[in-house]
């Protein structure tokens, strides 16, 4: 055998060995894949496409666009709409997860509170306990409105106001006591007496001495 023939045979054997090594490798697949056929398009999708085509194809012709081009535009608008919807949902969820900012403390002016008590005491000294207690309630409402503008509505009841979340627990309790006495005198036709006035006055003094919000 000539040298050239020997070299050719050696090369062929090397190629065969390399091919066999590749075939024997377990991480390579040589088995033909089965034929894959896409799933048939659902009838409702076909009906939707026909509806959109009948609806928008005349518009596309008026704009000088073919239906395939209009179809691409509609798909793009649909994707944009879905993305916008997901973005709005994400923003809403993020806003729900964020902790609400803490309301700053709101203290009543001590001089104004004393002046109000002097005015109410003058009414009580005349035996006008209902008017004196009602005055305390009105001023308490003004304090709440100053602490959180927009929190009070014309139709808000005293019980609803006493349950406002931003009020401190002591403020809710003391305001509730004053409101209950006013309701007793004005709506239950049970005139307030000196003891009722003393209760209302003490409640307002406590209301004015503590942080409102």
C-alpha atoms as a PDB file:
ATOM      1  CA  UNK A   1       0.000   0.000   0.000  1.00  0.00           C
ATOM      2  CA  UNK A   2       1.410   3.361  -0.933  1.00  0.00           C
ATOM      3  CA  UNK A   3       1.970   6.110   1.616  1.00  0.00           C
ATOM      4  CA  UNK A   4      -0.870   8.206   0.157  1.00  0.00           C
ATOM      5  CA  UNK A   5      -3.342   5.320   0.347  1.00  0.00           C
ATOM      6  CA  UNK A   6      -2.264   4.556   3.921  1.00  0.00           C
ATOM      7  CA  UNK A   7      -2.759   8.194   4.937  1.00  0.00           C
ATOM      8  CA  UNK A   8      -6.228   8.276   3.319  1.00  0.00           C
ATOM      9  CA  UNK A   9      -7.266   5.117   5.165  1.00  0.00           C
ATOM     10  CA  UNK A  10      -5.994   6.531   8.439  1.00  0.00           C
ATOM     11  CA  UNK A  11      -7.968   9.741   7.924  1.00  0.00           C
ATOM     12  CA  UNK A  12     -11.135   7.797   7.099  1.00  0.00           C
ATOM     13  CA  UNK A  13     -10.718   5.713  10.263  1.00  0.00           C
ATOM     14  CA  UNK A  14     -10.230   8.908  12.331  1.00  0.00           C
ATOM     15  CA  UNK A  15     -13.375  10.459  10.873  1.00  0.00           C
ATOM     16  CA  UNK A  16     -15.322   7.257  11.566  1.00  0.00           C
ATOM     17  CA  UNK A  17     -14.107   7.182  15.171  1.00  0.00           C
ATOM     18  CA  UNK A  18     -15.019  10.839  15.665  1.00  0.00           C
ATOM     19  CA  UNK A  19     -18.469  10.249  14.160  1.00  0.00           C
ATOM     20  CA  UNK A  20     -18.990   7.217  16.407  1.00  0.00           C
ATOM     21  CA  UNK A  21     -17.934   9.219  19.474  1.00  0.00           C
ATOM     22  CA  UNK A  22     -20.519  11.878  18.648  1.00  0.00           C
ATOM     23  CA  UNK A  23     -23.229   9.277  18.065  1.00  0.00           C
ATOM     24  CA  UNK A  24     -22.470   7.619  21.395  1.00  0.00           C
ATOM     25  CA  UNK A  25     -22.648  10.884  23.328  1.00  0.00           C
ATOM     26  CA  UNK A  26     -25.685  10.836  25.658  1.00  0.00           C
ATOM     27  CA  UNK A  27     -26.226  14.592  25.668  1.00  0.00           C
ATOM     28  CA  UNK A  28     -26.882  14.737  21.904  1.00  0.00           C
ATOM     29  CA  UNK A  29     -30.116  13.605  20.300  1.00  0.00           C
ATOM     30  CA  UNK A  30     -30.169  12.091  16.817  1.00  0.00           C
ATOM     31  CA  UNK A  31     -33.690  10.669  16.896  1.00  0.00           C
ATOM     32  CA  UNK A  32     -35.900  12.612  14.480  1.00  0.00           C
ATOM     33  CA  UNK A  33     -38.459  14.827  16.187  1.00  0.00           C
ATOM     34  CA  UNK A  34     -42.117  13.952  15.650  1.00  0.00           C
ATOM     35  CA  UNK A  35     -44.050  16.079  13.217  1.00  0.00           C
ATOM     36  CA  UNK A  36     -45.655  19.049  14.982  1.00  0.00           C
ATOM     37  CA  UNK A  37     -48.844  20.577  13.797  1.00  0.00           C
ATOM     38  CA  UNK A  38     -50.215  23.760  15.356  1.00  0.00           C
ATOM     39  CA  UNK A  39     -53.511  23.584  17.219  1.00  0.00           C
ATOM     40  CA  UNK A  40     -56.486  24.702  15.148  1.00  0.00           C
ATOM     41  CA  UNK A  41     -57.623  28.279  15.649  1.00  0.00           C
ATOM     42  CA  UNK A  42     -60.755  28.409  17.849  1.00  0.00           C
ATOM     43  CA  UNK A  43     -63.951  29.378  16.072  1.00  0.00           C
ATOM     44  CA  UNK A  44     -64.518  32.373  18.341  1.00  0.00           C
ATOM     45  CA  UNK A  45     -61.128  33.778  17.368  1.00  0.00           C
ATOM     46  CA  UNK A  46     -61.976  33.391  13.675  1.00  0.00           C
ATOM     47  CA  UNK A  47     -65.329  35.069  14.272  1.00  0.00           C
ATOM     48  CA  UNK A  48     -63.632  37.947  16.120  1.00  0.00           C
ATOM     49  CA  UNK A  49     -61.110  38.426  13.318  1.00  0.00           C
ATOM     50  CA  UNK A  50     -63.924  38.473  10.738  1.00  0.00           C
ATOM     51  CA  UNK A  51     -65.829  41.026  12.808  1.00  0.00           C
ATOM     52  CA  UNK A  52     -62.799  43.284  13.152  1.00  0.00           C
ATOM     53  CA  UNK A  53     -61.996  42.951   9.486  1.00  0.00           C
ATOM     54  CA  UNK A  54     -65.526  43.893   8.454  1.00  0.00           C
ATOM     55  CA  UNK A  55     -65.409  46.803  10.889  1.00  0.00           C
ATOM     56  CA  UNK A  56     -61.982  48.253  10.166  1.00  0.00           C
ATOM     57  CA  UNK A  57     -61.163  47.199   6.620  1.00  0.00           C
ATOM     58  CA  UNK A  58     -63.259  50.048   5.126  1.00  0.00           C
ATOM     59  CA  UNK A  59     -61.424  52.457   7.410  1.00  0.00           C
ATOM     60  CA  UNK A  60     -58.110  51.090   6.204  1.00  0.00           C
ATOM     61  CA  UNK A  61     -59.129  51.458   2.562  1.00  0.00           C
ATOM     62  CA  UNK A  62     -60.172  55.052   3.227  1.00  0.00           C
ATOM     63  CA  UNK A  63     -56.721  55.696   4.704  1.00  0.00           C
ATOM     64  CA  UNK A  64     -54.983  53.867   1.891  1.00  0.00           C
ATOM     65  CA  UNK A  65     -53.988  50.915   4.073  1.00  0.00           C
ATOM     66  CA  UNK A  66     -54.409  47.259   3.304  1.00  0.00           C
ATOM     67  CA  UNK A  67     -56.063  44.886   5.749  1.00  0.00           C
ATOM     68  CA  UNK A  68     -52.755  43.225   6.779  1.00  0.00           C
ATOM     69  CA  UNK A  69     -51.426  46.640   7.705  1.00  0.00           C
ATOM     70  CA  UNK A  70     -54.616  47.523   9.598  1.00  0.00           C
ATOM     71  CA  UNK A  71     -54.411  44.165  11.369  1.00  0.00           C
ATOM     72  CA  UNK A  72     -50.902  44.965  12.578  1.00  0.00           C
ATOM     73  CA  UNK A  73     -52.042  48.396  13.783  1.00  0.00           C
ATOM     74  CA  UNK A  74     -54.967  46.886  15.699  1.00  0.00           C
ATOM     75  CA  UNK A  75     -52.734  44.286  17.314  1.00  0.00           C
ATOM     76  CA  UNK A  76     -50.331  47.032  18.345  1.00  0.00           C
ATOM     77  CA  UNK A  77     -53.159  49.084  19.852  1.00  0.00           C
ATOM     78  CA  UNK A  78     -54.428  46.007  21.686  1.00  0.00           C
ATOM     79  CA  UNK A  79     -50.986  45.292  23.126  1.00  0.00           C
ATOM     80  CA  UNK A  80     -50.648  48.952  24.132  1.00  0.00           C
ATOM     81  CA  UNK A  81     -54.056  48.880  25.830  1.00  0.00           C
ATOM     82  CA  UNK A  82     -53.225  45.723  27.765  1.00  0.00           C
ATOM     83  CA  UNK A  83     -49.881  47.191  28.813  1.00  0.00           C
ATOM     84  CA  UNK A  84     -51.598  50.385  30.002  1.00  0.00           C
ATOM     85  CA  UNK A  85     -54.160  48.376  31.959  1.00  0.00           C
ATOM     86  CA  UNK A  86     -51.445  46.305  33.638  1.00  0.00           C
ATOM     87  CA  UNK A  87     -49.525  49.478  34.435  1.00  0.00           C
ATOM     88  CA  UNK A  88     -52.562  51.060  36.098  1.00  0.00           C
ATOM     89  CA  UNK A  89     -53.215  47.889  38.092  1.00  0.00           C
ATOM     90  CA  UNK A  90     -49.564  47.798  39.167  1.00  0.00           C
ATOM     91  CA  UNK A  91     -49.648  51.455  40.233  1.00  0.00           C
ATOM     92  CA  UNK A  92     -52.818  50.801  42.245  1.00  0.00           C
ATOM     93  CA  UNK A  93     -51.298  47.783  43.980  1.00  0.00           C
ATOM     94  CA  UNK A  94     -48.131  49.724  44.734  1.00  0.00           C
ATOM     95  CA  UNK A  95     -50.167  52.574  46.218  1.00  0.00           C
ATOM     96  CA  UNK A  96     -52.032  50.075  48.415  1.00  0.00           C
ATOM     97  CA  UNK A  97     -48.764  48.592  49.680  1.00  0.00           C
ATOM     98  CA  UNK A  98     -47.268  51.975  50.577  1.00  0.00           C
ATOM     99  CA  UNK A  99     -47.917  52.957  54.193  1.00  0.00           C
ATOM    100  CA  UNK A 100     -50.184  55.949  54.645  1.00  0.00           C
ATOM    101  CA  UNK A 101     -48.325  59.061  55.816  1.00  0.00           C
ATOM    102  CA  UNK A 102     -48.731  59.671  59.508  1.00  0.00           C
ATOM    103  CA  UNK A 103     -50.951  62.612  60.332  1.00  0.00           C
ATOM    104  CA  UNK A 104     -49.047  65.401  62.096  1.00  0.00           C
ATOM    105  CA  UNK A 105     -50.023  66.181  65.655  1.00  0.00           C
ATOM    106  CA  UNK A 106     -52.445  69.077  65.962  1.00  0.00           C
ATOM    107  CA  UNK A 107     -52.652  70.919  69.268  1.00  0.00           C
ATOM    108  CA  UNK A 108     -55.327  73.462  70.079  1.00  0.00           C
ATOM    109  CA  UNK A 109     -54.315  76.966  71.006  1.00  0.00           C
ATOM    110  CA  UNK A 110     -54.439  77.115  74.798  1.00  0.00           C
ATOM    111  CA  UNK A 111     -55.493  80.786  74.892  1.00  0.00           C
ATOM    112  CA  UNK A 112     -58.337  80.173  72.443  1.00  0.00           C
ATOM    113  CA  UNK A 113     -59.516  77.159  74.445  1.00  0.00           C
ATOM    114  CA  UNK A 114     -59.559  79.188  77.684  1.00  0.00           C
ATOM    115  CA  UNK A 115     -61.472  82.016  75.976  1.00  0.00           C
ATOM    116  CA  UNK A 116     -64.054  79.523  74.729  1.00  0.00           C
ATOM    117  CA  UNK A 117     -64.479  78.024  78.194  1.00  0.00           C
ATOM    118  CA  UNK A 118     -64.948  81.514  79.643  1.00  0.00           C
ATOM    119  CA  UNK A 119     -67.660  82.206  77.059  1.00  0.00           C
ATOM    120  CA  UNK A 120     -69.358  78.866  77.717  1.00  0.00           C
ATOM    121  CA  UNK A 121     -69.079  79.358  81.499  1.00  0.00           C
ATOM    122  CA  UNK A 122     -70.912  82.651  81.129  1.00  0.00           C
ATOM    123  CA  UNK A 123     -73.798  80.858  79.439  1.00  0.00           C
ATOM    124  CA  UNK A 124     -73.790  78.109  82.064  1.00  0.00           C
ATOM    125  CA  UNK A 125     -73.850  80.715  84.844  1.00  0.00           C
ATOM    126  CA  UNK A 126     -77.194  81.869  83.430  1.00  0.00           C
ATOM    127  CA  UNK A 127     -78.514  78.313  83.542  1.00  0.00           C
ATOM    128  CA  UNK A 128     -78.231  77.924  79.758  1.00  0.00           C
ATOM    129  CA  UNK A 129     -76.458  74.592  79.966  1.00  0.00           C
ATOM    130  CA  UNK A 130     -77.734  73.318  76.609  1.00  0.00           C
ATOM    131  CA  UNK A 131     -76.399  76.393  74.788  1.00  0.00           C
ATOM    132  CA  UNK A 132     -73.084  76.224  76.621  1.00  0.00           C
ATOM    133  CA  UNK A 133     -72.608  72.564  75.746  1.00  0.00           C
ATOM    134  CA  UNK A 134     -73.655  73.145  72.152  1.00  0.00           C
ATOM    135  CA  UNK A 135     -71.085  75.941  71.897  1.00  0.00           C
ATOM    136  CA  UNK A 136     -68.369  73.510  72.992  1.00  0.00           C
ATOM    137  CA  UNK A 137     -69.504  71.072  70.303  1.00  0.00           C
ATOM    138  CA  UNK A 138     -69.430  73.741  67.572  1.00  0.00           C
ATOM    139  CA  UNK A 139     -65.946  74.873  68.562  1.00  0.00           C
ATOM    140  CA  UNK A 140     -64.764  71.256  68.668  1.00  0.00           C
ATOM    141  CA  UNK A 141     -65.999  70.827  65.097  1.00  0.00           C
ATOM    142  CA  UNK A 142     -64.048  73.932  64.075  1.00  0.00           C
ATOM    143  CA  UNK A 143     -60.916  72.473  65.672  1.00  0.00           C
ATOM    144  CA  UNK A 144     -61.366  69.199  63.765  1.00  0.00           C
ATOM    145  CA  UNK A 145     -61.923  71.062  60.480  1.00  0.00           C
ATOM    146  CA  UNK A 146     -58.723  73.045  61.081  1.00  0.00           C
ATOM    147  CA  UNK A 147     -56.745  69.892  61.845  1.00  0.00           C
ATOM    148  CA  UNK A 148     -57.881  68.120  58.671  1.00  0.00           C
ATOM    149  CA  UNK A 149     -59.471  70.406  56.047  1.00  0.00           C
ATOM    150  CA  UNK A 150     -62.060  68.591  53.963  1.00  0.00           C
ATOM    151  CA  UNK A 151     -62.627  65.836  56.530  1.00  0.00           C
ATOM    152  CA  UNK A 152     -66.042  67.155  57.564  1.00  0.00           C
ATOM    153  CA  UNK A 153     -69.030  67.179  55.236  1.00  0.00           C
ATOM    154  CA  UNK A 154     -72.256  69.146  55.741  1.00  0.00           C
ATOM    155  CA  UNK A 155     -74.153  65.867  56.175  1.00  0.00           C
ATOM    156  CA  UNK A 156     -71.672  64.370  58.674  1.00  0.00           C
ATOM    157  CA  UNK A 157     -73.273  63.329  61.925  1.00  0.00           C
ATOM    158  CA  UNK A 158     -71.635  63.735  65.319  1.00  0.00           C
ATOM    159  CA  UNK A 159     -71.309  59.960  65.648  1.00  0.00           C
ATOM    160  CA  UNK A 160     -69.571  59.733  62.259  1.00  0.00           C
ATOM    161  CA  UNK A 161     -67.199  62.540  63.213  1.00  0.00           C
ATOM    162  CA  UNK A 162     -66.387  60.863  66.520  1.00  0.00           C
ATOM    163  CA  UNK A 163     -65.310  57.763  64.566  1.00  0.00           C
ATOM    164  CA  UNK A 164     -62.884  59.545  62.191  1.00  0.00           C
ATOM    165  CA  UNK A 165     -59.682  57.536  61.892  1.00  0.00           C
ATOM    166  CA  UNK A 166     -57.303  60.482  61.918  1.00  0.00           C
ATOM    167  CA  UNK A 167     -58.474  61.644  65.340  1.00  0.00           C
ATOM    168  CA  UNK A 168     -56.513  60.400  68.310  1.00  0.00           C
ATOM    169  CA  UNK A 169     -58.310  57.933  70.559  1.00  0.00           C
ATOM    170  CA  UNK A 170     -58.657  60.442  73.443  1.00  0.00           C
ATOM    171  CA  UNK A 171     -60.017  63.077  71.046  1.00  0.00           C
ATOM    172  CA  UNK A 172     -62.612  60.641  69.707  1.00  0.00           C
ATOM    173  CA  UNK A 173     -63.692  59.698  73.226  1.00  0.00           C
ATOM    174  CA  UNK A 174     -64.015  63.261  74.550  1.00  0.00           C
ATOM    175  CA  UNK A 175     -65.736  64.560  71.421  1.00  0.00           C
ATOM    176  CA  UNK A 176     -68.124  61.625  71.615  1.00  0.00           C
ATOM    177  CA  UNK A 177     -69.084  62.555  75.199  1.00  0.00           C
ATOM    178  CA  UNK A 178     -69.810  66.168  74.230  1.00  0.00           C
ATOM    179  CA  UNK A 179     -71.822  65.077  71.173  1.00  0.00           C
ATOM    180  CA  UNK A 180     -73.867  62.636  73.253  1.00  0.00           C
ATOM    181  CA  UNK A 181     -74.811  65.370  75.739  1.00  0.00           C
ATOM    182  CA  UNK A 182     -75.839  67.744  72.943  1.00  0.00           C
ATOM    183  CA  UNK A 183     -77.987  65.030  71.395  1.00  0.00           C
ATOM    184  CA  UNK A 184     -79.567  64.429  74.796  1.00  0.00           C
ATOM    185  CA  UNK A 185     -80.482  68.097  75.213  1.00  0.00           C
ATOM    186  CA  UNK A 186     -81.474  68.965  71.639  1.00  0.00           C
ATOM    187  CA  UNK A 187     -83.036  65.775  70.293  1.00  0.00           C
ATOM    188  CA  UNK A 188     -84.068  63.717  73.310  1.00  0.00           C
ATOM    189  CA  UNK A 189     -85.841  66.716  74.858  1.00  0.00           C
ATOM    190  CA  UNK A 190     -83.948  66.150  78.083  1.00  0.00           C
ATOM    191  CA  UNK A 191     -82.626  69.558  79.209  1.00  0.00           C
ATOM    192  CA  UNK A 192     -79.096  69.465  80.499  1.00  0.00           C
ATOM    193  CA  UNK A 193     -78.332  70.294  84.094  1.00  0.00           C
ATOM    194  CA  UNK A 194     -75.349  71.549  86.002  1.00  0.00           C
ATOM    195  CA  UNK A 195     -73.871  68.054  86.314  1.00  0.00           C
ATOM    196  CA  UNK A 196     -74.195  67.502  82.537  1.00  0.00           C
ATOM    197  CA  UNK A 197     -72.468  70.807  81.922  1.00  0.00           C
ATOM    198  CA  UNK A 198     -69.645  69.869  84.282  1.00  0.00           C
ATOM    199  CA  UNK A 199     -69.172  66.626  82.320  1.00  0.00           C
ATOM    200  CA  UNK A 200     -69.160  68.458  78.983  1.00  0.00           C
ATOM    201  CA  UNK A 201     -66.754  71.113  80.268  1.00  0.00           C
ATOM    202  CA  UNK A 202     -64.316  68.516  81.610  1.00  0.00           C
ATOM    203  CA  UNK A 203     -64.518  66.626  78.305  1.00  0.00           C
ATOM    204  CA  UNK A 204     -63.688  69.758  76.297  1.00  0.00           C
ATOM    205  CA  UNK A 205     -60.831  70.666  78.646  1.00  0.00           C
ATOM    206  CA  UNK A 206     -59.395  67.199  78.053  1.00  0.00           C
ATOM    207  CA  UNK A 207     -60.100  67.529  74.308  1.00  0.00           C
ATOM    208  CA  UNK A 208     -58.136  70.799  74.187  1.00  0.00           C
ATOM    209  CA  UNK A 209     -55.219  69.531  76.259  1.00  0.00           C
ATOM    210  CA  UNK A 210     -54.373  66.481  74.087  1.00  0.00           C
ATOM    211  CA  UNK A 211     -53.069  66.147  70.514  1.00  0.00           C
ATOM    212  CA  UNK A 212     -56.105  66.185  68.264  1.00  0.00           C
ATOM    213  CA  UNK A 213     -54.712  64.253  65.293  1.00  0.00           C
END
